[in-house]
């Protein structure tokens, strides 16, 4: 059987399966373009269970495009705090402002137009256009690539752009329009999330397309998908400083570009320091106490952190000084520093 035949026969079965067994999720209750957009951006690099409370809180405060376009950046980042990849939140606001200025306050209905907005690539554009507008265009993510690679027993590296293009082209030829487009987009993702899973043994006995699946028929499901090994992350040693004075703690805002751009943080040093070296940096410190070690993994770098709580006799003017309660309520600190925030 040809690959095209497998796909043509599988897609209606996935739609039927999804329509009968889909999970109840808040963004599916009202799949407006705005709701689909917000949920898809939040779901990038983040588990569904973690996204749900963020999604509800976000929409409670920013229920529509005008409110998102007008929100202050600090408040936006506070709503996003803990989700990581903060450029996603900033791009949401930039895109909302462009939609208000150029599109009459309504998200474009075509994937090609959606891709012109900040933060919206091929996948997100396909998801919004197919789910919210019924355009016959695929949204190909890791779940979709995994399902298709097993269905076709395809040994191509799913991390390679050429593989994604090939799979998108194969899907595009048979993609339905209207309501079925949205059902198929969500159905393939659901299949990959709950049945054709990435970690652990695939639940092939529950799969609606197992009889068409070449990997299942050949007993090679565990060999797919093929993925090139990731590059080793760079290890970066950091020293985190909890500078205290009169019940307040020092924070500073990171540069507008680069890792964790624009977020607030505790002052830090880009190397490993000990108490003796910190005494040289803060000779009038009333006390210097270690406050624990922590690690945080980013996509391409891993922070190995050592923290020190330093009591100072006066506030240093280069920092903003706030109480721990105010920091927690108003300022968005990165998840990487959550351990040290808990030490305040």
C-alpha atoms as a PDB file:
ATOM      1  CA  UNK A   1       0.000   0.000   0.000  1.00  0.00           C
ATOM      2  CA  UNK A   2       1.336   3.439  -0.902  1.00  0.00           C
ATOM      3  CA  UNK A   3       1.901   6.123   1.723  1.00  0.00           C
ATOM      4  CA  UNK A   4      -0.718   8.321   0.102  1.00  0.00           C
ATOM      5  CA  UNK A   5      -3.293   5.535   0.320  1.00  0.00           C
ATOM      6  CA  UNK A   6      -2.577   4.933   4.003  1.00  0.00           C
ATOM      7  CA  UNK A   7      -3.047   8.597   4.791  1.00  0.00           C
ATOM      8  CA  UNK A   8      -6.186   8.969   2.690  1.00  0.00           C
ATOM      9  CA  UNK A   9      -7.778   5.994   4.473  1.00  0.00           C
ATOM     10  CA  UNK A  10      -6.552   6.944   7.953  1.00  0.00           C
ATOM     11  CA  UNK A  11      -7.770  10.540   8.154  1.00  0.00           C
ATOM     12  CA  UNK A  12     -11.552   9.795   8.250  1.00  0.00           C
ATOM     13  CA  UNK A  13     -10.929   7.150  10.937  1.00  0.00           C
ATOM     14  CA  UNK A  14      -9.058   9.670  13.084  1.00  0.00           C
ATOM     15  CA  UNK A  15     -11.873  12.205  12.727  1.00  0.00           C
ATOM     16  CA  UNK A  16     -14.473   9.600  13.719  1.00  0.00           C
ATOM     17  CA  UNK A  17     -12.405   8.443  16.701  1.00  0.00           C
ATOM     18  CA  UNK A  18     -11.782  11.974  17.942  1.00  0.00           C
ATOM     19  CA  UNK A  19     -15.411  13.039  17.607  1.00  0.00           C
ATOM     20  CA  UNK A  20     -16.409  10.100  19.816  1.00  0.00           C
ATOM     21  CA  UNK A  21     -13.648  10.135  22.440  1.00  0.00           C
ATOM     22  CA  UNK A  22     -12.092  13.590  22.719  1.00  0.00           C
ATOM     23  CA  UNK A  23     -11.134  14.932  26.116  1.00  0.00           C
ATOM     24  CA  UNK A  24     -12.939  17.890  27.620  1.00  0.00           C
ATOM     25  CA  UNK A  25     -10.510  20.829  27.701  1.00  0.00           C
ATOM     26  CA  UNK A  26     -11.363  24.486  28.384  1.00  0.00           C
ATOM     27  CA  UNK A  27     -10.235  25.831  24.987  1.00  0.00           C
ATOM     28  CA  UNK A  28     -12.421  23.265  23.234  1.00  0.00           C
ATOM     29  CA  UNK A  29     -15.539  24.562  24.965  1.00  0.00           C
ATOM     30  CA  UNK A  30     -15.478  27.727  22.858  1.00  0.00           C
ATOM     31  CA  UNK A  31     -12.986  27.374  19.981  1.00  0.00           C
ATOM     32  CA  UNK A  32     -13.017  31.014  18.893  1.00  0.00           C
ATOM     33  CA  UNK A  33      -9.936  32.220  16.987  1.00  0.00           C
ATOM     34  CA  UNK A  34      -8.718  34.109  20.073  1.00  0.00           C
ATOM     35  CA  UNK A  35      -9.164  31.104  22.366  1.00  0.00           C
ATOM     36  CA  UNK A  36      -7.459  28.731  19.935  1.00  0.00           C
ATOM     37  CA  UNK A  37      -4.570  31.160  19.492  1.00  0.00           C
ATOM     38  CA  UNK A  38      -3.955  31.673  23.211  1.00  0.00           C
ATOM     39  CA  UNK A  39      -4.170  27.950  23.968  1.00  0.00           C
ATOM     40  CA  UNK A  40      -1.857  26.934  21.133  1.00  0.00           C
ATOM     41  CA  UNK A  41       0.801  29.452  22.158  1.00  0.00           C
ATOM     42  CA  UNK A  42       0.597  28.313  25.792  1.00  0.00           C
ATOM     43  CA  UNK A  43       0.780  24.647  24.810  1.00  0.00           C
ATOM     44  CA  UNK A  44       4.112  25.101  23.048  1.00  0.00           C
ATOM     45  CA  UNK A  45       6.734  23.320  25.164  1.00  0.00           C
ATOM     46  CA  UNK A  46       4.218  22.927  28.030  1.00  0.00           C
ATOM     47  CA  UNK A  47       2.046  20.033  29.220  1.00  0.00           C
ATOM     48  CA  UNK A  48      -1.738  20.324  28.938  1.00  0.00           C
ATOM     49  CA  UNK A  49      -2.242  19.831  32.680  1.00  0.00           C
ATOM     50  CA  UNK A  50       0.107  22.710  33.463  1.00  0.00           C
ATOM     51  CA  UNK A  51      -1.514  25.021  30.902  1.00  0.00           C
ATOM     52  CA  UNK A  52      -5.145  24.732  32.059  1.00  0.00           C
ATOM     53  CA  UNK A  53      -4.939  27.014  35.155  1.00  0.00           C
ATOM     54  CA  UNK A  54      -2.818  29.547  33.253  1.00  0.00           C
ATOM     55  CA  UNK A  55      -5.284  29.587  30.373  1.00  0.00           C
ATOM     56  CA  UNK A  56      -8.257  30.198  32.666  1.00  0.00           C
ATOM     57  CA  UNK A  57      -6.483  32.919  34.637  1.00  0.00           C
ATOM     58  CA  UNK A  58      -5.234  34.595  31.459  1.00  0.00           C
ATOM     59  CA  UNK A  59      -8.670  34.733  29.862  1.00  0.00           C
ATOM     60  CA  UNK A  60     -10.295  35.928  33.079  1.00  0.00           C
ATOM     61  CA  UNK A  61      -8.106  39.046  32.939  1.00  0.00           C
ATOM     62  CA  UNK A  62      -7.542  39.350  29.173  1.00  0.00           C
ATOM     63  CA  UNK A  63     -10.728  37.954  27.597  1.00  0.00           C
ATOM     64  CA  UNK A  64     -10.280  39.440  24.121  1.00  0.00           C
ATOM     65  CA  UNK A  65      -7.893  41.035  21.649  1.00  0.00           C
ATOM     66  CA  UNK A  66      -8.415  44.651  22.807  1.00  0.00           C
ATOM     67  CA  UNK A  67      -7.540  43.794  26.412  1.00  0.00           C
ATOM     68  CA  UNK A  68      -4.452  41.843  25.335  1.00  0.00           C
ATOM     69  CA  UNK A  69      -3.289  44.662  23.075  1.00  0.00           C
ATOM     70  CA  UNK A  70      -3.615  47.193  25.919  1.00  0.00           C
ATOM     71  CA  UNK A  71      -2.165  45.234  28.850  1.00  0.00           C
ATOM     72  CA  UNK A  72       0.981  46.546  30.542  1.00  0.00           C
ATOM     73  CA  UNK A  73       3.980  44.328  29.848  1.00  0.00           C
ATOM     74  CA  UNK A  74       4.806  43.747  33.518  1.00  0.00           C
ATOM     75  CA  UNK A  75       1.252  42.537  34.131  1.00  0.00           C
ATOM     76  CA  UNK A  76       1.345  40.340  31.039  1.00  0.00           C
ATOM     77  CA  UNK A  77       4.578  38.696  32.165  1.00  0.00           C
ATOM     78  CA  UNK A  78       3.179  38.211  35.663  1.00  0.00           C
ATOM     79  CA  UNK A  79       0.202  36.348  34.173  1.00  0.00           C
ATOM     80  CA  UNK A  80       2.687  34.253  32.182  1.00  0.00           C
ATOM     81  CA  UNK A  81       5.028  33.645  35.122  1.00  0.00           C
ATOM     82  CA  UNK A  82       5.940  29.969  35.369  1.00  0.00           C
ATOM     83  CA  UNK A  83       5.130  29.060  31.769  1.00  0.00           C
ATOM     84  CA  UNK A  84       8.599  30.027  30.553  1.00  0.00           C
ATOM     85  CA  UNK A  85       9.654  31.076  27.050  1.00  0.00           C
ATOM     86  CA  UNK A  86       8.481  34.619  27.801  1.00  0.00           C
ATOM     87  CA  UNK A  87       8.973  35.799  24.233  1.00  0.00           C
ATOM     88  CA  UNK A  88       5.713  33.942  23.533  1.00  0.00           C
ATOM     89  CA  UNK A  89       3.829  36.363  25.782  1.00  0.00           C
ATOM     90  CA  UNK A  90       5.486  39.423  24.288  1.00  0.00           C
ATOM     91  CA  UNK A  91       4.694  38.219  20.771  1.00  0.00           C
ATOM     92  CA  UNK A  92       1.065  37.713  21.772  1.00  0.00           C
ATOM     93  CA  UNK A  93       0.798  41.375  22.712  1.00  0.00           C
ATOM     94  CA  UNK A  94       2.670  42.550  19.597  1.00  0.00           C
ATOM     95  CA  UNK A  95       0.401  40.465  17.383  1.00  0.00           C
ATOM     96  CA  UNK A  96      -2.731  41.691  19.185  1.00  0.00           C
ATOM     97  CA  UNK A  97      -1.672  45.290  18.616  1.00  0.00           C
ATOM     98  CA  UNK A  98      -1.108  44.631  14.906  1.00  0.00           C
ATOM     99  CA  UNK A  99      -4.494  42.931  14.596  1.00  0.00           C
ATOM    100  CA  UNK A 100      -6.184  45.891  16.265  1.00  0.00           C
ATOM    101  CA  UNK A 101      -4.347  48.362  13.995  1.00  0.00           C
ATOM    102  CA  UNK A 102      -4.506  46.535  10.666  1.00  0.00           C
ATOM    103  CA  UNK A 103      -7.195  43.845  10.783  1.00  0.00           C
ATOM    104  CA  UNK A 104     -10.124  45.560  12.473  1.00  0.00           C
ATOM    105  CA  UNK A 105      -9.629  43.622  15.692  1.00  0.00           C
ATOM    106  CA  UNK A 106     -10.163  40.168  14.150  1.00  0.00           C
ATOM    107  CA  UNK A 107      -7.519  37.514  13.621  1.00  0.00           C
ATOM    108  CA  UNK A 108      -7.035  36.660   9.923  1.00  0.00           C
ATOM    109  CA  UNK A 109      -8.803  33.513   8.783  1.00  0.00           C
ATOM    110  CA  UNK A 110      -6.113  32.286   6.384  1.00  0.00           C
ATOM    111  CA  UNK A 111      -2.975  30.508   7.542  1.00  0.00           C
ATOM    112  CA  UNK A 112      -0.762  32.487   5.172  1.00  0.00           C
ATOM    113  CA  UNK A 113      -2.008  35.764   6.673  1.00  0.00           C
ATOM    114  CA  UNK A 114      -1.704  34.501  10.236  1.00  0.00           C
ATOM    115  CA  UNK A 115       1.966  33.663   9.660  1.00  0.00           C
ATOM    116  CA  UNK A 116       2.666  37.350   9.122  1.00  0.00           C
ATOM    117  CA  UNK A 117       1.949  38.020  12.804  1.00  0.00           C
ATOM    118  CA  UNK A 118       4.711  37.863  15.460  1.00  0.00           C
ATOM    119  CA  UNK A 119       5.060  34.484  17.127  1.00  0.00           C
ATOM    120  CA  UNK A 120       2.841  32.597  14.673  1.00  0.00           C
ATOM    121  CA  UNK A 121       4.631  29.992  12.571  1.00  0.00           C
ATOM    122  CA  UNK A 122       3.418  27.229  10.294  1.00  0.00           C
ATOM    123  CA  UNK A 123       2.036  25.040  13.070  1.00  0.00           C
ATOM    124  CA  UNK A 124       0.153  27.710  15.015  1.00  0.00           C
ATOM    125  CA  UNK A 125      -1.215  29.255  11.818  1.00  0.00           C
ATOM    126  CA  UNK A 126      -2.478  25.863  10.694  1.00  0.00           C
ATOM    127  CA  UNK A 127      -4.066  25.171  14.073  1.00  0.00           C
ATOM    128  CA  UNK A 128      -5.938  28.500  14.211  1.00  0.00           C
ATOM    129  CA  UNK A 129      -7.002  28.412  10.559  1.00  0.00           C
ATOM    130  CA  UNK A 130      -8.258  24.822  10.637  1.00  0.00           C
ATOM    131  CA  UNK A 131      -9.815  24.697  14.116  1.00  0.00           C
ATOM    132  CA  UNK A 132     -11.364  28.159  14.250  1.00  0.00           C
ATOM    133  CA  UNK A 133     -12.032  28.817  10.562  1.00  0.00           C
ATOM    134  CA  UNK A 134     -12.214  25.395   8.910  1.00  0.00           C
ATOM    135  CA  UNK A 135      -9.441  26.044   6.397  1.00  0.00           C
ATOM    136  CA  UNK A 136      -8.097  22.743   4.978  1.00  0.00           C
ATOM    137  CA  UNK A 137      -4.542  23.234   6.192  1.00  0.00           C
ATOM    138  CA  UNK A 138      -2.531  20.918   8.495  1.00  0.00           C
ATOM    139  CA  UNK A 139      -0.877  21.852  11.780  1.00  0.00           C
ATOM    140  CA  UNK A 140       2.167  19.600  12.024  1.00  0.00           C
ATOM    141  CA  UNK A 141       3.824  19.307  15.438  1.00  0.00           C
ATOM    142  CA  UNK A 142       5.751  16.547  17.212  1.00  0.00           C
ATOM    143  CA  UNK A 143       2.593  14.560  17.926  1.00  0.00           C
ATOM    144  CA  UNK A 144       1.555  14.607  14.283  1.00  0.00           C
ATOM    145  CA  UNK A 145       5.049  13.681  13.090  1.00  0.00           C
ATOM    146  CA  UNK A 146       5.143  10.752  15.506  1.00  0.00           C
ATOM    147  CA  UNK A 147       1.751   9.409  14.388  1.00  0.00           C
ATOM    148  CA  UNK A 148       2.643   9.714  10.716  1.00  0.00           C
ATOM    149  CA  UNK A 149       6.132   8.270  11.082  1.00  0.00           C
ATOM    150  CA  UNK A 150       4.649   5.135  12.681  1.00  0.00           C
ATOM    151  CA  UNK A 151       1.722   4.953  10.282  1.00  0.00           C
ATOM    152  CA  UNK A 152       4.143   4.999   7.341  1.00  0.00           C
ATOM    153  CA  UNK A 153       7.121   3.342   9.110  1.00  0.00           C
ATOM    154  CA  UNK A 154       9.120   6.347   7.928  1.00  0.00           C
ATOM    155  CA  UNK A 155      12.764   6.311   8.968  1.00  0.00           C
ATOM    156  CA  UNK A 156      13.460   9.967   8.206  1.00  0.00           C
ATOM    157  CA  UNK A 157      14.637  12.185  11.065  1.00  0.00           C
ATOM    158  CA  UNK A 158      11.515  13.973  12.347  1.00  0.00           C
ATOM    159  CA  UNK A 159      13.667  16.881  13.539  1.00  0.00           C
ATOM    160  CA  UNK A 160      14.749  17.635   9.975  1.00  0.00           C
ATOM    161  CA  UNK A 161      12.812  20.463   8.257  1.00  0.00           C
ATOM    162  CA  UNK A 162      12.622  18.379   5.085  1.00  0.00           C
ATOM    163  CA  UNK A 163      10.724  15.636   6.941  1.00  0.00           C
ATOM    164  CA  UNK A 164       8.203  18.124   8.292  1.00  0.00           C
ATOM    165  CA  UNK A 165       7.675  19.544   4.807  1.00  0.00           C
ATOM    166  CA  UNK A 166       7.131  16.072   3.343  1.00  0.00           C
ATOM    167  CA  UNK A 167       4.613  15.098   6.027  1.00  0.00           C
ATOM    168  CA  UNK A 168       2.792  18.408   5.662  1.00  0.00           C
ATOM    169  CA  UNK A 169       2.546  17.927   1.906  1.00  0.00           C
ATOM    170  CA  UNK A 170       1.196  14.379   2.295  1.00  0.00           C
ATOM    171  CA  UNK A 171      -1.462  15.565   4.748  1.00  0.00           C
ATOM    172  CA  UNK A 172      -2.379  18.631   2.731  1.00  0.00           C
ATOM    173  CA  UNK A 173      -3.450  16.539  -0.259  1.00  0.00           C
ATOM    174  CA  UNK A 174      -6.279  14.909   1.727  1.00  0.00           C
ATOM    175  CA  UNK A 175      -7.166  17.540   4.324  1.00  0.00           C
ATOM    176  CA  UNK A 176     -10.889  18.219   4.634  1.00  0.00           C
ATOM    177  CA  UNK A 177     -12.465  21.647   5.053  1.00  0.00           C
ATOM    178  CA  UNK A 178     -15.073  23.057   7.425  1.00  0.00           C
ATOM    179  CA  UNK A 179     -15.717  21.422  10.788  1.00  0.00           C
ATOM    180  CA  UNK A 180     -13.846  18.296   9.691  1.00  0.00           C
ATOM    181  CA  UNK A 181     -10.630  20.312   9.344  1.00  0.00           C
ATOM    182  CA  UNK A 182     -10.692  21.256  13.013  1.00  0.00           C
ATOM    183  CA  UNK A 183     -11.660  17.749  14.072  1.00  0.00           C
ATOM    184  CA  UNK A 184      -8.750  16.292  12.128  1.00  0.00           C
ATOM    185  CA  UNK A 185      -6.217  18.816  13.440  1.00  0.00           C
ATOM    186  CA  UNK A 186      -7.187  18.170  17.039  1.00  0.00           C
ATOM    187  CA  UNK A 187      -7.722  14.469  16.402  1.00  0.00           C
ATOM    188  CA  UNK A 188      -4.181  13.758  15.206  1.00  0.00           C
ATOM    189  CA  UNK A 189      -2.747  15.755  18.111  1.00  0.00           C
ATOM    190  CA  UNK A 190      -5.008  13.914  20.565  1.00  0.00           C
ATOM    191  CA  UNK A 191      -3.974  10.576  19.099  1.00  0.00           C
ATOM    192  CA  UNK A 192      -0.319  11.458  19.596  1.00  0.00           C
ATOM    193  CA  UNK A 193      -0.874  12.759  23.125  1.00  0.00           C
ATOM    194  CA  UNK A 194      -2.985   9.894  24.486  1.00  0.00           C
ATOM    195  CA  UNK A 195      -2.439   6.773  22.350  1.00  0.00           C
ATOM    196  CA  UNK A 196       0.600   7.041  20.064  1.00  0.00           C
ATOM    197  CA  UNK A 197       2.534   8.456  22.993  1.00  0.00           C
ATOM    198  CA  UNK A 198       6.124   9.776  22.969  1.00  0.00           C
ATOM    199  CA  UNK A 199       7.290   8.183  26.228  1.00  0.00           C
ATOM    200  CA  UNK A 200       6.533   4.651  27.239  1.00  0.00           C
ATOM    201  CA  UNK A 201       4.790   1.954  25.230  1.00  0.00           C
ATOM    202  CA  UNK A 202       2.319   3.054  22.576  1.00  0.00           C
ATOM    203  CA  UNK A 203      -1.281   2.047  23.319  1.00  0.00           C
ATOM    204  CA  UNK A 204      -1.837   0.447  19.929  1.00  0.00           C
ATOM    205  CA  UNK A 205      -4.852  -1.536  21.097  1.00  0.00           C
ATOM    206  CA  UNK A 206      -6.769   1.768  21.351  1.00  0.00           C
ATOM    207  CA  UNK A 207      -5.591   3.218  18.045  1.00  0.00           C
ATOM    208  CA  UNK A 208      -8.246   3.762  15.358  1.00  0.00           C
ATOM    209  CA  UNK A 209      -5.721   3.320  12.530  1.00  0.00           C
ATOM    210  CA  UNK A 210      -3.693   0.364  13.821  1.00  0.00           C
ATOM    211  CA  UNK A 211      -4.802  -1.881  10.945  1.00  0.00           C
ATOM    212  CA  UNK A 212      -3.418   0.668   8.499  1.00  0.00           C
ATOM    213  CA  UNK A 213      -0.278   1.334  10.552  1.00  0.00           C
ATOM    214  CA  UNK A 214       2.739  -0.177   8.872  1.00  0.00           C
ATOM    215  CA  UNK A 215       4.868  -0.077  12.036  1.00  0.00           C
ATOM    216  CA  UNK A 216       2.145  -1.901  13.994  1.00  0.00           C
ATOM    217  CA  UNK A 217       1.748  -4.554  11.317  1.00  0.00           C
ATOM    218  CA  UNK A 218       5.515  -5.098  11.175  1.00  0.00           C
ATOM    219  CA  UNK A 219       6.002  -5.020  14.960  1.00  0.00           C
ATOM    220  CA  UNK A 220       8.373  -2.046  14.788  1.00  0.00           C
ATOM    221  CA  UNK A 221       6.398   0.667  16.601  1.00  0.00           C
ATOM    222  CA  UNK A 222       9.185   1.137  19.143  1.00  0.00           C
ATOM    223  CA  UNK A 223      11.650   2.036  16.367  1.00  0.00           C
ATOM    224  CA  UNK A 224       9.744   5.135  15.327  1.00  0.00           C
ATOM    225  CA  UNK A 225       9.982   8.039  15.183  1.00  0.00           C
ATOM    226  CA  UNK A 226      13.633   8.393  14.266  1.00  0.00           C
ATOM    227  CA  UNK A 227      15.161  11.448  15.885  1.00  0.00           C
ATOM    228  CA  UNK A 228      18.728  12.731  15.779  1.00  0.00           C
ATOM    229  CA  UNK A 229      20.310  12.981  19.254  1.00  0.00           C
ATOM    230  CA  UNK A 230      20.220  16.500  20.714  1.00  0.00           C
ATOM    231  CA  UNK A 231      23.352  18.566  21.058  1.00  0.00           C
ATOM    232  CA  UNK A 232      24.845  18.695  24.538  1.00  0.00           C
ATOM    233  CA  UNK A 233      23.745  21.702  26.577  1.00  0.00           C
ATOM    234  CA  UNK A 234      26.291  24.221  27.775  1.00  0.00           C
ATOM    235  CA  UNK A 235      26.785  24.223  31.561  1.00  0.00           C
ATOM    236  CA  UNK A 236      26.927  27.694  33.102  1.00  0.00           C
ATOM    237  CA  UNK A 237      27.906  28.287  36.721  1.00  0.00           C
ATOM    238  CA  UNK A 238      26.039  31.177  38.394  1.00  0.00           C
ATOM    239  CA  UNK A 239      25.974  32.779  41.820  1.00  0.00           C
ATOM    240  CA  UNK A 240      22.592  34.149  42.945  1.00  0.00           C
ATOM    241  CA  UNK A 241      22.594  36.996  45.473  1.00  0.00           C
ATOM    242  CA  UNK A 242      19.681  37.588  47.832  1.00  0.00           C
ATOM    243  CA  UNK A 243      20.661  41.092  48.932  1.00  0.00           C
ATOM    244  CA  UNK A 244      18.607  42.161  51.950  1.00  0.00           C
ATOM    245  CA  UNK A 245      18.233  45.450  53.754  1.00  0.00           C
ATOM    246  CA  UNK A 246      15.589  46.497  56.282  1.00  0.00           C
ATOM    247  CA  UNK A 247      13.103  43.817  55.266  1.00  0.00           C
ATOM    248  CA  UNK A 248      13.472  44.510  51.539  1.00  0.00           C
ATOM    249  CA  UNK A 249      15.249  42.516  48.830  1.00  0.00           C
ATOM    250  CA  UNK A 250      17.142  43.757  45.763  1.00  0.00           C
ATOM    251  CA  UNK A 251      15.889  42.899  42.279  1.00  0.00           C
ATOM    252  CA  UNK A 252      16.880  44.117  38.838  1.00  0.00           C
ATOM    253  CA  UNK A 253      15.477  43.869  35.332  1.00  0.00           C
ATOM    254  CA  UNK A 254      17.333  41.817  32.745  1.00  0.00           C
ATOM    255  CA  UNK A 255      18.335  43.236  29.386  1.00  0.00           C
ATOM    256  CA  UNK A 256      15.633  43.477  26.714  1.00  0.00           C
ATOM    257  CA  UNK A 257      17.404  40.919  24.541  1.00  0.00           C
ATOM    258  CA  UNK A 258      18.748  37.447  25.184  1.00  0.00           C
ATOM    259  CA  UNK A 259      17.808  34.724  27.639  1.00  0.00           C
ATOM    260  CA  UNK A 260      14.895  35.696  29.947  1.00  0.00           C
ATOM    261  CA  UNK A 261      14.815  39.117  28.299  1.00  0.00           C
ATOM    262  CA  UNK A 262      13.137  41.845  30.316  1.00  0.00           C
ATOM    263  CA  UNK A 263      12.261  39.690  33.333  1.00  0.00           C
ATOM    264  CA  UNK A 264      13.063  40.686  36.887  1.00  0.00           C
ATOM    265  CA  UNK A 265      15.691  38.728  38.784  1.00  0.00           C
ATOM    266  CA  UNK A 266      17.817  38.664  41.883  1.00  0.00           C
ATOM    267  CA  UNK A 267      21.302  40.031  41.176  1.00  0.00           C
ATOM    268  CA  UNK A 268      23.686  37.337  40.036  1.00  0.00           C
ATOM    269  CA  UNK A 269      27.218  36.685  38.896  1.00  0.00           C
ATOM    270  CA  UNK A 270      28.095  34.624  35.842  1.00  0.00           C
ATOM    271  CA  UNK A 271      30.540  32.368  37.658  1.00  0.00           C
ATOM    272  CA  UNK A 272      30.865  30.414  40.890  1.00  0.00           C
ATOM    273  CA  UNK A 273      31.721  32.496  43.966  1.00  0.00           C
ATOM    274  CA  UNK A 274      32.396  31.539  47.559  1.00  0.00           C
ATOM    275  CA  UNK A 275      31.857  33.433  50.809  1.00  0.00           C
ATOM    276  CA  UNK A 276      35.411  34.816  50.848  1.00  0.00           C
ATOM    277  CA  UNK A 277      35.139  36.315  47.356  1.00  0.00           C
ATOM    278  CA  UNK A 278      31.747  37.803  48.201  1.00  0.00           C
ATOM    279  CA  UNK A 279      33.294  39.444  51.275  1.00  0.00           C
ATOM    280  CA  UNK A 280      35.601  41.278  48.891  1.00  0.00           C
ATOM    281  CA  UNK A 281      32.638  42.416  46.781  1.00  0.00           C
ATOM    282  CA  UNK A 282      30.539  43.465  49.788  1.00  0.00           C
ATOM    283  CA  UNK A 283      33.069  44.464  52.484  1.00  0.00           C
ATOM    284  CA  UNK A 284      30.448  46.183  54.674  1.00  0.00           C
ATOM    285  CA  UNK A 285      28.002  43.241  54.616  1.00  0.00           C
ATOM    286  CA  UNK A 286      26.512  42.492  58.037  1.00  0.00           C
ATOM    287  CA  UNK A 287      26.285  38.782  57.203  1.00  0.00           C
ATOM    288  CA  UNK A 288      26.782  36.396  54.287  1.00  0.00           C
ATOM    289  CA  UNK A 289      25.069  33.032  54.466  1.00  0.00           C
ATOM    290  CA  UNK A 290      24.756  30.246  51.854  1.00  0.00           C
ATOM    291  CA  UNK A 291      21.120  29.617  50.901  1.00  0.00           C
ATOM    292  CA  UNK A 292      21.271  26.518  48.755  1.00  0.00           C
ATOM    293  CA  UNK A 293      22.095  25.153  45.329  1.00  0.00           C
ATOM    294  CA  UNK A 294      19.737  24.738  42.393  1.00  0.00           C
ATOM    295  CA  UNK A 295      19.777  23.765  38.740  1.00  0.00           C
ATOM    296  CA  UNK A 296      17.616  24.834  35.840  1.00  0.00           C
ATOM    297  CA  UNK A 297      17.591  23.473  32.304  1.00  0.00           C
ATOM    298  CA  UNK A 298      16.906  25.737  29.349  1.00  0.00           C
ATOM    299  CA  UNK A 299      16.829  24.537  25.755  1.00  0.00           C
ATOM    300  CA  UNK A 300      20.520  25.079  25.046  1.00  0.00           C
ATOM    301  CA  UNK A 301      22.057  25.916  28.416  1.00  0.00           C
ATOM    302  CA  UNK A 302      21.905  24.560  31.954  1.00  0.00           C
ATOM    303  CA  UNK A 303      22.376  26.811  34.980  1.00  0.00           C
ATOM    304  CA  UNK A 304      24.151  25.399  38.018  1.00  0.00           C
ATOM    305  CA  UNK A 305      23.436  27.938  40.742  1.00  0.00           C
ATOM    306  CA  UNK A 306      24.724  28.618  44.228  1.00  0.00           C
ATOM    307  CA  UNK A 307      22.880  31.164  46.347  1.00  0.00           C
ATOM    308  CA  UNK A 308      23.941  33.485  49.155  1.00  0.00           C
ATOM    309  CA  UNK A 309      21.785  35.648  51.408  1.00  0.00           C
ATOM    310  CA  UNK A 310      23.648  38.889  52.132  1.00  0.00           C
ATOM    311  CA  UNK A 311      22.463  41.409  54.718  1.00  0.00           C
ATOM    312  CA  UNK A 312      23.567  44.957  53.894  1.00  0.00           C
ATOM    313  CA  UNK A 313      23.548  48.089  56.067  1.00  0.00           C
ATOM    314  CA  UNK A 314      22.072  50.249  53.279  1.00  0.00           C
ATOM    315  CA  UNK A 315      20.254  49.872  49.972  1.00  0.00           C
ATOM    316  CA  UNK A 316      22.438  49.931  46.873  1.00  0.00           C
ATOM    317  CA  UNK A 317      21.097  52.467  44.362  1.00  0.00           C
ATOM    318  CA  UNK A 318      21.627  50.307  41.272  1.00  0.00           C
ATOM    319  CA  UNK A 319      18.850  47.932  42.342  1.00  0.00           C
ATOM    320  CA  UNK A 320      15.131  48.131  43.011  1.00  0.00           C
ATOM    321  CA  UNK A 321      14.290  47.225  46.605  1.00  0.00           C
ATOM    322  CA  UNK A 322      10.954  45.617  47.435  1.00  0.00           C
ATOM    323  CA  UNK A 323       9.465  43.431  50.151  1.00  0.00           C
ATOM    324  CA  UNK A 324       9.173  39.698  49.392  1.00  0.00           C
ATOM    325  CA  UNK A 325       5.373  40.054  49.319  1.00  0.00           C
ATOM    326  CA  UNK A 326       5.486  42.851  46.750  1.00  0.00           C
ATOM    327  CA  UNK A 327       7.932  40.899  44.600  1.00  0.00           C
ATOM    328  CA  UNK A 328       5.581  37.918  44.614  1.00  0.00           C
ATOM    329  CA  UNK A 329       2.537  40.014  43.728  1.00  0.00           C
ATOM    330  CA  UNK A 330       3.879  42.424  41.116  1.00  0.00           C
ATOM    331  CA  UNK A 331       7.072  41.206  39.519  1.00  0.00           C
ATOM    332  CA  UNK A 332       7.596  38.336  37.116  1.00  0.00           C
ATOM    333  CA  UNK A 333      10.651  36.328  38.112  1.00  0.00           C
ATOM    334  CA  UNK A 334      11.800  33.387  35.975  1.00  0.00           C
ATOM    335  CA  UNK A 335      11.065  29.839  37.054  1.00  0.00           C
ATOM    336  CA  UNK A 336      14.822  29.286  37.217  1.00  0.00           C
ATOM    337  CA  UNK A 337      14.893  31.437  40.372  1.00  0.00           C
ATOM    338  CA  UNK A 338      11.817  29.980  42.053  1.00  0.00           C
ATOM    339  CA  UNK A 339      13.912  28.065  44.583  1.00  0.00           C
ATOM    340  CA  UNK A 340      15.616  31.256  45.727  1.00  0.00           C
ATOM    341  CA  UNK A 341      12.344  33.181  45.807  1.00  0.00           C
ATOM    342  CA  UNK A 342      11.112  30.556  48.269  1.00  0.00           C
ATOM    343  CA  UNK A 343      14.080  31.404  50.527  1.00  0.00           C
ATOM    344  CA  UNK A 344      12.926  35.022  51.073  1.00  0.00           C
END
